[in-house]
Amino acid sequence: MKVSDFIGMKVIDIGAKEVGKVEDLAVILKEYVVEQIFISTGSTLSKKYFSVKEDDLAAIGDYVQLKLDGNALENRIKVDKVDDLVPKETRYKNISGRVVVAKGGMEIGKIEDMVIDPTGCLIQNVIISMGGTFSRKHIIISKEDISEIGDYLILKLSKEQVEQMAVD
């Protein structure tokens, strides 16, 4: 499942009551793990956020179902901003758009999305977009293709290898 499809999914508790929507994810890209899932609850003017981890998930299909009931959710720490729960640099929304550099130091594109296994909280692949608006191509890379992750994502692949992998 793409992260972009996962964000915005409705979240229900174990008693089938709607509790909110998936707002964002905290990812540890170096370990290819989704650390936390952030749920927004309340209305636009009074929105609050709380986080859940893999152990809190009962099922994921058209909805995200939690193992928690209403009482357990009431006791969760709720904050006004997701930034109060986790540093910005680990949030998916801040990783998306990060510049990707090939082995020779050439910029090849940006992180567009990630493919995750939400039930195992694992990142399976990273989707990189390359090119301009009318000539956009994509590549899908695995953790074996990544050399370093920081302010940039550096690949073990050369620009030529990346171009051979690219698809429309």
N, C-alpha and C. Protein backbone atom coordinates (compact mmCIF):
# COMPACT_ATOMS: atom_id res chain seq x y z
N MET A 1 0.85 -1.17 0.00
CA MET A 1 0.00 0.00 0.00
C MET A 1 0.90 1.24 0.00
N LYS A 2 0.53 2.22 -0.82
CA LYS A 2 1.28 3.48 -0.83
C LYS A 2 0.91 4.29 0.41
N VAL A 3 1.89 5.01 0.93
CA VAL A 3 1.63 5.87 2.09
C VAL A 3 0.58 6.91 1.72
N SER A 4 0.64 7.44 0.49
CA SER A 4 -0.32 8.46 0.07
C SER A 4 -1.75 7.93 0.08
N ASP A 5 -1.94 6.61 -0.09
CA ASP A 5 -3.28 6.01 0.01
C ASP A 5 -3.66 5.75 1.47
N PHE A 6 -2.68 5.49 2.32
CA PHE A 6 -2.90 5.19 3.72
C PHE A 6 -3.30 6.44 4.50
N ILE A 7 -2.62 7.55 4.21
CA ILE A 7 -2.93 8.81 4.89
C ILE A 7 -4.32 9.25 4.46
N GLY A 8 -5.15 9.56 5.42
CA GLY A 8 -6.53 9.96 5.16
C GLY A 8 -7.54 8.85 5.41
N MET A 9 -7.06 7.61 5.62
CA MET A 9 -7.99 6.51 5.90
C MET A 9 -8.71 6.74 7.23
N LYS A 10 -9.97 6.34 7.28
CA LYS A 10 -10.73 6.45 8.53
C LYS A 10 -10.24 5.40 9.50
N VAL A 11 -10.25 5.76 10.78
CA VAL A 11 -9.79 4.88 11.85
C VAL A 11 -10.97 4.59 12.76
N ILE A 12 -11.17 3.29 13.07
CA ILE A 12 -12.23 2.89 13.98
C ILE A 12 -11.64 2.11 15.14
N ASP A 13 -12.32 2.17 16.28
CA ASP A 13 -11.85 1.43 17.44
C ASP A 13 -12.37 -0.01 17.40
N ILE A 14 -12.03 -0.79 18.39
CA ILE A 14 -12.41 -2.20 18.43
C ILE A 14 -13.93 -2.37 18.51
N GLY A 15 -14.63 -1.35 19.00
CA GLY A 15 -16.09 -1.38 19.08
C GLY A 15 -16.78 -0.81 17.86
N ALA A 16 -16.03 -0.62 16.77
CA ALA A 16 -16.55 -0.13 15.49
C ALA A 16 -17.03 1.32 15.52
N LYS A 17 -16.47 2.12 16.40
CA LYS A 17 -16.78 3.55 16.45
C LYS A 17 -15.65 4.32 15.77
N GLU A 18 -16.03 5.27 14.93
CA GLU A 18 -15.03 6.07 14.23
C GLU A 18 -14.31 6.99 15.23
N VAL A 19 -12.98 6.98 15.17
CA VAL A 19 -12.20 7.80 16.11
C VAL A 19 -11.38 8.87 15.41
N GLY A 20 -11.25 8.81 14.09
CA GLY A 20 -10.49 9.84 13.39
C GLY A 20 -9.98 9.35 12.05
N LYS A 21 -8.91 10.00 11.59
CA LYS A 21 -8.29 9.67 10.31
C LYS A 21 -6.78 9.60 10.47
N VAL A 22 -6.14 8.81 9.62
CA VAL A 22 -4.67 8.76 9.60
C VAL A 22 -4.17 10.09 9.08
N GLU A 23 -3.36 10.76 9.86
CA GLU A 23 -2.85 12.09 9.51
C GLU A 23 -1.44 12.04 8.93
N ASP A 24 -0.57 11.23 9.52
CA ASP A 24 0.82 11.17 9.10
C ASP A 24 1.46 9.94 9.73
N LEU A 25 2.69 9.68 9.34
CA LEU A 25 3.46 8.56 9.88
C LEU A 25 4.81 9.07 10.35
N ALA A 26 5.34 8.45 11.39
CA ALA A 26 6.74 8.68 11.76
C ALA A 26 7.50 7.48 11.24
N VAL A 27 8.52 7.74 10.42
CA VAL A 27 9.28 6.66 9.82
C VAL A 27 10.74 6.77 10.22
N ILE A 28 11.35 5.62 10.37
CA ILE A 28 12.80 5.54 10.55
C ILE A 28 13.30 4.97 9.24
N LEU A 29 13.64 5.88 8.32
CA LEU A 29 13.97 5.46 6.97
C LEU A 29 15.21 4.58 6.92
N LYS A 30 16.17 4.82 7.80
CA LYS A 30 17.39 3.99 7.81
C LYS A 30 17.09 2.55 8.18
N GLU A 31 16.04 2.34 8.95
CA GLU A 31 15.67 0.99 9.37
C GLU A 31 14.48 0.45 8.58
N TYR A 32 13.91 1.28 7.69
CA TYR A 32 12.76 0.90 6.87
C TYR A 32 11.57 0.49 7.73
N VAL A 33 11.30 1.29 8.76
CA VAL A 33 10.24 0.98 9.72
C VAL A 33 9.32 2.18 9.89
N VAL A 34 8.02 1.90 9.99
CA VAL A 34 7.05 2.91 10.40
C VAL A 34 6.99 2.82 11.92
N GLU A 35 7.43 3.88 12.58
CA GLU A 35 7.51 3.86 14.04
C GLU A 35 6.17 4.15 14.70
N GLN A 36 5.44 5.15 14.18
CA GLN A 36 4.16 5.53 14.75
C GLN A 36 3.20 5.95 13.64
N ILE A 37 1.93 5.82 13.91
CA ILE A 37 0.89 6.32 13.02
C ILE A 37 0.15 7.40 13.79
N PHE A 38 0.00 8.57 13.19
CA PHE A 38 -0.66 9.69 13.85
C PHE A 38 -2.10 9.78 13.37
N ILE A 39 -3.00 9.85 14.34
CA ILE A 39 -4.43 9.91 14.07
C ILE A 39 -4.93 11.29 14.47
N SER A 40 -5.70 11.91 13.57
CA SER A 40 -6.33 13.19 13.92
C SER A 40 -7.77 12.90 14.32
N THR A 41 -8.22 13.61 15.32
CA THR A 41 -9.58 13.44 15.83
C THR A 41 -10.17 14.81 16.11
N GLY A 42 -11.48 14.92 16.07
CA GLY A 42 -12.15 16.19 16.31
C GLY A 42 -12.43 16.92 15.01
N SER A 43 -13.01 18.12 15.16
CA SER A 43 -13.37 18.92 13.99
C SER A 43 -12.19 19.78 13.56
N THR A 44 -12.35 20.45 12.44
CA THR A 44 -11.29 21.29 11.89
C THR A 44 -10.83 22.34 12.90
N LEU A 45 -11.75 22.91 13.64
CA LEU A 45 -11.40 23.98 14.58
C LEU A 45 -10.87 23.45 15.90
N SER A 46 -11.15 22.20 16.23
CA SER A 46 -10.69 21.65 17.51
C SER A 46 -9.95 20.32 17.31
N LYS A 47 -9.13 20.24 16.29
CA LYS A 47 -8.44 19.00 15.94
C LYS A 47 -7.36 18.68 16.97
N LYS A 48 -7.30 17.41 17.34
CA LYS A 48 -6.28 16.89 18.25
C LYS A 48 -5.63 15.68 17.59
N TYR A 49 -4.45 15.32 18.06
CA TYR A 49 -3.70 14.21 17.48
C TYR A 49 -3.23 13.27 18.58
N PHE A 50 -3.19 11.98 18.24
CA PHE A 50 -2.59 10.99 19.11
C PHE A 50 -1.89 9.98 18.22
N SER A 51 -1.03 9.17 18.82
CA SER A 51 -0.29 8.21 18.01
C SER A 51 -0.59 6.78 18.45
N VAL A 52 -0.43 5.87 17.49
CA VAL A 52 -0.55 4.44 17.77
C VAL A 52 0.66 3.75 17.16
N LYS A 53 0.93 2.56 17.64
CA LYS A 53 2.04 1.76 17.13
C LYS A 53 1.49 0.45 16.57
N GLU A 54 2.36 -0.35 16.01
CA GLU A 54 1.97 -1.60 15.38
C GLU A 54 1.12 -2.48 16.31
N ASP A 55 1.48 -2.55 17.58
CA ASP A 55 0.75 -3.39 18.53
C ASP A 55 -0.70 -2.96 18.73
N ASP A 56 -1.01 -1.69 18.39
CA ASP A 56 -2.35 -1.16 18.58
C ASP A 56 -3.27 -1.46 17.39
N LEU A 57 -2.73 -2.00 16.30
CA LEU A 57 -3.51 -2.24 15.08
C LEU A 57 -4.15 -3.62 15.10
N ALA A 58 -5.47 -3.66 14.85
CA ALA A 58 -6.19 -4.93 14.77
C ALA A 58 -6.27 -5.39 13.32
N ALA A 59 -6.58 -4.46 12.41
CA ALA A 59 -6.74 -4.82 11.00
C ALA A 59 -6.64 -3.56 10.15
N ILE A 60 -6.23 -3.76 8.89
CA ILE A 60 -6.19 -2.67 7.92
C ILE A 60 -6.77 -3.18 6.62
N GLY A 61 -7.81 -2.51 6.18
CA GLY A 61 -8.47 -2.84 4.92
C GLY A 61 -8.94 -1.53 4.31
N ASP A 62 -10.24 -1.37 4.19
CA ASP A 62 -10.78 -0.08 3.78
C ASP A 62 -10.72 0.91 4.94
N TYR A 63 -10.59 0.40 6.14
CA TYR A 63 -10.47 1.19 7.37
C TYR A 63 -9.29 0.68 8.17
N VAL A 64 -8.80 1.53 9.06
CA VAL A 64 -7.79 1.10 10.02
C VAL A 64 -8.55 0.81 11.30
N GLN A 65 -8.49 -0.44 11.76
CA GLN A 65 -9.17 -0.80 13.00
C GLN A 65 -8.13 -0.98 14.09
N LEU A 66 -8.38 -0.32 15.21
CA LEU A 66 -7.48 -0.40 16.35
C LEU A 66 -7.95 -1.49 17.31
N LYS A 67 -7.03 -2.00 18.10
CA LYS A 67 -7.35 -2.96 19.16
C LYS A 67 -7.89 -2.24 20.40
N LEU A 68 -7.87 -0.94 20.39
CA LEU A 68 -8.23 -0.13 21.55
C LEU A 68 -9.71 0.18 21.55
N ASP A 69 -10.28 0.31 22.75
CA ASP A 69 -11.67 0.73 22.86
C ASP A 69 -11.72 2.21 23.21
N GLY A 70 -12.92 2.73 23.32
CA GLY A 70 -13.11 4.15 23.60
C GLY A 70 -12.42 4.62 24.87
N ASN A 71 -12.47 3.79 25.93
CA ASN A 71 -11.83 4.17 27.20
C ASN A 71 -10.31 4.27 27.05
N ALA A 72 -9.72 3.31 26.37
CA ALA A 72 -8.27 3.33 26.17
C ALA A 72 -7.86 4.53 25.32
N LEU A 73 -8.67 4.87 24.34
CA LEU A 73 -8.37 6.02 23.49
C LEU A 73 -8.50 7.33 24.25
N GLU A 74 -9.45 7.40 25.18
CA GLU A 74 -9.62 8.61 25.99
C GLU A 74 -8.37 8.88 26.84
N ASN A 75 -7.68 7.81 27.23
CA ASN A 75 -6.50 7.96 28.07
C ASN A 75 -5.23 8.25 27.26
N ARG A 76 -5.32 8.21 25.94
CA ARG A 76 -4.16 8.53 25.09
C ARG A 76 -3.86 10.02 25.20
N ILE A 77 -2.59 10.34 25.15
CA ILE A 77 -2.18 11.74 25.17
C ILE A 77 -2.55 12.36 23.83
N LYS A 78 -3.31 13.44 23.88
CA LYS A 78 -3.72 14.14 22.67
C LYS A 78 -3.07 15.52 22.69
N VAL A 79 -2.54 15.91 21.53
CA VAL A 79 -1.85 17.19 21.43
C VAL A 79 -2.48 18.01 20.30
N ASP A 80 -2.18 19.31 20.29
CA ASP A 80 -2.71 20.21 19.26
C ASP A 80 -1.95 20.12 17.95
N LYS A 81 -0.67 19.69 18.01
CA LYS A 81 0.16 19.59 16.81
C LYS A 81 0.91 18.27 16.81
N VAL A 82 1.02 17.65 15.63
CA VAL A 82 1.77 16.40 15.52
C VAL A 82 3.22 16.63 15.91
N ASP A 83 3.74 17.83 15.66
CA ASP A 83 5.13 18.15 16.01
C ASP A 83 5.40 17.97 17.50
N ASP A 84 4.36 18.02 18.32
CA ASP A 84 4.53 17.82 19.76
C ASP A 84 4.74 16.34 20.10
N LEU A 85 4.46 15.45 19.15
CA LEU A 85 4.61 14.01 19.40
C LEU A 85 5.93 13.44 18.89
N VAL A 86 6.49 14.04 17.83
CA VAL A 86 7.67 13.48 17.19
C VAL A 86 8.41 14.58 16.43
N PRO A 87 9.73 14.47 16.30
CA PRO A 87 10.47 15.48 15.53
C PRO A 87 10.03 15.52 14.07
N LYS A 88 10.03 16.72 13.48
CA LYS A 88 9.60 16.91 12.10
C LYS A 88 10.35 16.04 11.11
N GLU A 89 11.65 15.86 11.32
CA GLU A 89 12.46 15.15 10.33
C GLU A 89 12.11 13.67 10.18
N THR A 90 11.33 13.11 11.11
CA THR A 90 10.94 11.71 10.99
C THR A 90 9.54 11.54 10.40
N ARG A 91 8.83 12.64 10.18
CA ARG A 91 7.47 12.55 9.66
C ARG A 91 7.48 12.35 8.15
N TYR A 92 6.60 11.48 7.68
CA TYR A 92 6.51 11.18 6.24
C TYR A 92 6.32 12.46 5.42
N LYS A 93 5.45 13.33 5.88
CA LYS A 93 5.15 14.55 5.11
C LYS A 93 6.38 15.45 4.95
N ASN A 94 7.38 15.30 5.82
CA ASN A 94 8.61 16.06 5.68
C ASN A 94 9.69 15.30 4.93
N ILE A 95 9.54 13.99 4.83
CA ILE A 95 10.48 13.18 4.05
C ILE A 95 10.09 13.19 2.58
N SER A 96 8.79 13.19 2.31
CA SER A 96 8.30 13.27 0.95
C SER A 96 8.79 14.58 0.34
N GLY A 97 9.38 14.49 -0.84
CA GLY A 97 9.94 15.67 -1.49
C GLY A 97 11.42 15.84 -1.28
N ARG A 98 12.03 15.01 -0.43
CA ARG A 98 13.47 15.08 -0.18
C ARG A 98 14.23 14.75 -1.47
N VAL A 99 15.30 15.48 -1.72
CA VAL A 99 16.11 15.30 -2.93
C VAL A 99 16.88 13.98 -2.87
N VAL A 100 16.90 13.27 -4.02
CA VAL A 100 17.60 12.00 -4.15
C VAL A 100 18.80 12.20 -5.06
N VAL A 101 19.96 11.71 -4.61
CA VAL A 101 21.23 11.89 -5.32
C VAL A 101 21.78 10.51 -5.70
N ALA A 102 22.25 10.39 -6.94
CA ALA A 102 22.86 9.14 -7.40
C ALA A 102 24.29 9.03 -6.86
N LYS A 103 24.89 7.86 -7.06
CA LYS A 103 26.22 7.56 -6.53
C LYS A 103 27.27 8.61 -6.91
N GLY A 104 27.21 9.15 -8.11
CA GLY A 104 28.21 10.12 -8.56
C GLY A 104 27.94 11.54 -8.15
N GLY A 105 26.97 11.76 -7.26
CA GLY A 105 26.67 13.10 -6.78
C GLY A 105 25.69 13.87 -7.65
N MET A 106 25.05 13.19 -8.58
CA MET A 106 24.09 13.85 -9.48
C MET A 106 22.68 13.74 -8.91
N GLU A 107 21.97 14.87 -8.89
CA GLU A 107 20.59 14.86 -8.43
C GLU A 107 19.74 14.15 -9.48
N ILE A 108 18.93 13.19 -9.02
CA ILE A 108 18.12 12.44 -9.98
C ILE A 108 16.63 12.65 -9.79
N GLY A 109 16.21 13.15 -8.66
CA GLY A 109 14.78 13.34 -8.44
C GLY A 109 14.46 13.58 -6.98
N LYS A 110 13.22 13.28 -6.62
CA LYS A 110 12.74 13.50 -5.25
C LYS A 110 11.91 12.32 -4.80
N ILE A 111 11.88 12.12 -3.48
CA ILE A 111 11.02 11.07 -2.91
C ILE A 111 9.58 11.49 -3.13
N GLU A 112 8.82 10.63 -3.81
CA GLU A 112 7.42 10.93 -4.09
C GLU A 112 6.48 10.20 -3.14
N ASP A 113 6.81 8.96 -2.82
CA ASP A 113 5.91 8.14 -2.01
C ASP A 113 6.71 6.96 -1.46
N MET A 114 6.06 6.16 -0.65
CA MET A 114 6.65 4.94 -0.13
C MET A 114 5.61 3.84 -0.20
N VAL A 115 6.07 2.62 -0.37
CA VAL A 115 5.20 1.46 -0.32
C VAL A 115 5.44 0.81 1.03
N ILE A 116 4.34 0.64 1.79
CA ILE A 116 4.48 0.09 3.14
C ILE A 116 3.60 -1.13 3.31
N ASP A 117 3.98 -1.94 4.29
CA ASP A 117 3.13 -3.00 4.80
C ASP A 117 2.63 -2.47 6.13
N PRO A 118 1.45 -1.85 6.15
CA PRO A 118 1.01 -1.20 7.39
C PRO A 118 0.81 -2.14 8.55
N THR A 119 0.46 -3.41 8.29
CA THR A 119 0.25 -4.33 9.41
C THR A 119 1.57 -4.72 10.05
N GLY A 120 2.64 -4.75 9.29
CA GLY A 120 3.95 -5.05 9.85
C GLY A 120 4.75 -3.80 10.14
N CYS A 121 4.18 -2.64 9.77
CA CYS A 121 4.83 -1.34 9.94
C CYS A 121 6.22 -1.33 9.29
N LEU A 122 6.31 -1.91 8.10
CA LEU A 122 7.57 -1.95 7.37
C LEU A 122 7.46 -1.16 6.08
N ILE A 123 8.54 -0.46 5.74
CA ILE A 123 8.61 0.23 4.47
C ILE A 123 9.22 -0.76 3.49
N GLN A 124 8.52 -1.05 2.42
CA GLN A 124 9.00 -2.03 1.45
C GLN A 124 9.84 -1.38 0.35
N ASN A 125 9.40 -0.22 -0.14
CA ASN A 125 10.10 0.46 -1.21
C ASN A 125 9.89 1.96 -1.09
N VAL A 126 10.77 2.70 -1.78
CA VAL A 126 10.64 4.15 -1.89
C VAL A 126 10.43 4.47 -3.36
N ILE A 127 9.44 5.32 -3.65
CA ILE A 127 9.15 5.71 -5.03
C ILE A 127 9.76 7.09 -5.26
N ILE A 128 10.58 7.19 -6.30
CA ILE A 128 11.27 8.44 -6.63
C ILE A 128 10.73 8.94 -7.96
N SER A 129 10.40 10.24 -7.99
CA SER A 129 9.97 10.84 -9.26
C SER A 129 11.15 11.59 -9.85
N MET A 130 11.24 11.49 -11.17
CA MET A 130 12.34 12.13 -11.91
C MET A 130 11.74 12.92 -13.07
N GLY A 131 12.43 13.98 -13.47
CA GLY A 131 12.02 14.74 -14.64
C GLY A 131 11.01 15.81 -14.32
N GLY A 132 10.59 16.51 -15.39
CA GLY A 132 9.67 17.62 -15.25
C GLY A 132 8.22 17.18 -15.29
N THR A 133 7.34 18.14 -15.30
CA THR A 133 5.91 17.89 -15.26
C THR A 133 5.42 17.03 -16.42
N PHE A 134 5.93 17.29 -17.62
CA PHE A 134 5.44 16.58 -18.80
C PHE A 134 6.30 15.38 -19.18
N SER A 135 7.44 15.22 -18.52
CA SER A 135 8.32 14.09 -18.83
C SER A 135 8.67 13.30 -17.57
N ARG A 136 7.71 13.23 -16.65
CA ARG A 136 7.95 12.60 -15.35
C ARG A 136 8.09 11.09 -15.49
N LYS A 137 9.11 10.56 -14.84
CA LYS A 137 9.33 9.12 -14.77
C LYS A 137 9.49 8.75 -13.30
N HIS A 138 9.37 7.47 -13.01
CA HIS A 138 9.46 6.99 -11.63
C HIS A 138 10.38 5.79 -11.56
N ILE A 139 11.02 5.65 -10.41
CA ILE A 139 11.74 4.41 -10.10
C ILE A 139 11.33 3.98 -8.70
N ILE A 140 11.37 2.70 -8.51
CA ILE A 140 11.07 2.14 -7.19
C ILE A 140 12.36 1.50 -6.69
N ILE A 141 12.80 1.94 -5.51
CA ILE A 141 14.05 1.41 -4.96
C ILE A 141 13.78 0.69 -3.65
N SER A 142 14.69 -0.19 -3.29
CA SER A 142 14.60 -0.91 -2.02
C SER A 142 15.71 -0.41 -1.11
N LYS A 143 15.72 -0.89 0.12
CA LYS A 143 16.74 -0.43 1.06
C LYS A 143 18.14 -0.82 0.62
N GLU A 144 18.26 -1.87 -0.18
CA GLU A 144 19.58 -2.29 -0.67
C GLU A 144 20.17 -1.26 -1.63
N ASP A 145 19.32 -0.40 -2.22
CA ASP A 145 19.78 0.61 -3.16
C ASP A 145 20.21 1.91 -2.48
N ILE A 146 19.99 2.02 -1.18
CA ILE A 146 20.27 3.27 -0.46
C ILE A 146 21.62 3.20 0.23
N SER A 147 22.41 4.24 0.00
CA SER A 147 23.73 4.34 0.62
C SER A 147 23.65 5.11 1.94
N GLU A 148 23.07 6.31 1.89
CA GLU A 148 22.98 7.17 3.08
C GLU A 148 21.66 7.93 3.07
N ILE A 149 21.19 8.27 4.27
CA ILE A 149 19.99 9.07 4.42
C ILE A 149 20.27 10.16 5.43
N GLY A 150 20.01 11.38 5.03
CA GLY A 150 20.16 12.54 5.91
C GLY A 150 19.26 13.63 5.36
N ASP A 151 19.83 14.80 5.11
CA ASP A 151 19.06 15.85 4.46
C ASP A 151 18.73 15.44 3.03
N TYR A 152 19.52 14.54 2.48
CA TYR A 152 19.33 13.99 1.14
C TYR A 152 19.29 12.47 1.25
N LEU A 153 18.78 11.82 0.22
CA LEU A 153 18.83 10.37 0.13
C LEU A 153 19.85 10.06 -0.95
N ILE A 154 20.91 9.35 -0.60
CA ILE A 154 21.98 9.03 -1.56
C ILE A 154 21.88 7.55 -1.90
N LEU A 155 21.86 7.29 -3.21
CA LEU A 155 21.73 5.92 -3.70
C LEU A 155 23.09 5.29 -3.95
N LYS A 156 23.11 3.97 -3.95
CA LYS A 156 24.30 3.20 -4.34
C LYS A 156 24.37 3.08 -5.86
N LEU A 157 23.33 3.51 -6.53
CA LEU A 157 23.20 3.38 -7.98
C LEU A 157 23.75 4.60 -8.70
N SER A 158 24.30 4.39 -9.89
CA SER A 158 24.75 5.52 -10.71
C SER A 158 23.55 6.14 -11.42
N LYS A 159 23.73 7.32 -11.97
CA LYS A 159 22.66 7.99 -12.70
C LYS A 159 22.22 7.13 -13.88
N GLU A 160 23.17 6.48 -14.54
CA GLU A 160 22.85 5.63 -15.69
C GLU A 160 21.99 4.43 -15.27
N GLN A 161 22.33 3.82 -14.15
CA GLN A 161 21.54 2.68 -13.65
C GLN A 161 20.12 3.12 -13.33
N VAL A 162 20.00 4.29 -12.71
CA VAL A 162 18.70 4.82 -12.35
C VAL A 162 17.87 5.07 -13.60
N GLU A 163 18.48 5.67 -14.62
CA GLU A 163 17.75 5.96 -15.85
C GLU A 163 17.27 4.69 -16.54
N GLN A 164 18.01 3.61 -16.42
CA GLN A 164 17.59 2.33 -17.01
C GLN A 164 16.40 1.73 -16.26
N MET A 165 16.27 2.04 -14.98
CA MET A 165 15.18 1.51 -14.17
C MET A 165 13.89 2.33 -14.31
N ALA A 166 13.99 3.55 -14.81
CA ALA A 166 12.87 4.48 -14.82
C ALA A 166 11.73 4.02 -15.73
N VAL A 167 10.52 4.23 -15.27
CA VAL A 167 9.31 3.92 -16.05
C VAL A 167 8.38 5.14 -16.02
N ASP A 168 7.52 5.21 -17.03
CA ASP A 168 6.57 6.34 -17.09
C ASP A 168 5.50 6.22 -16.05
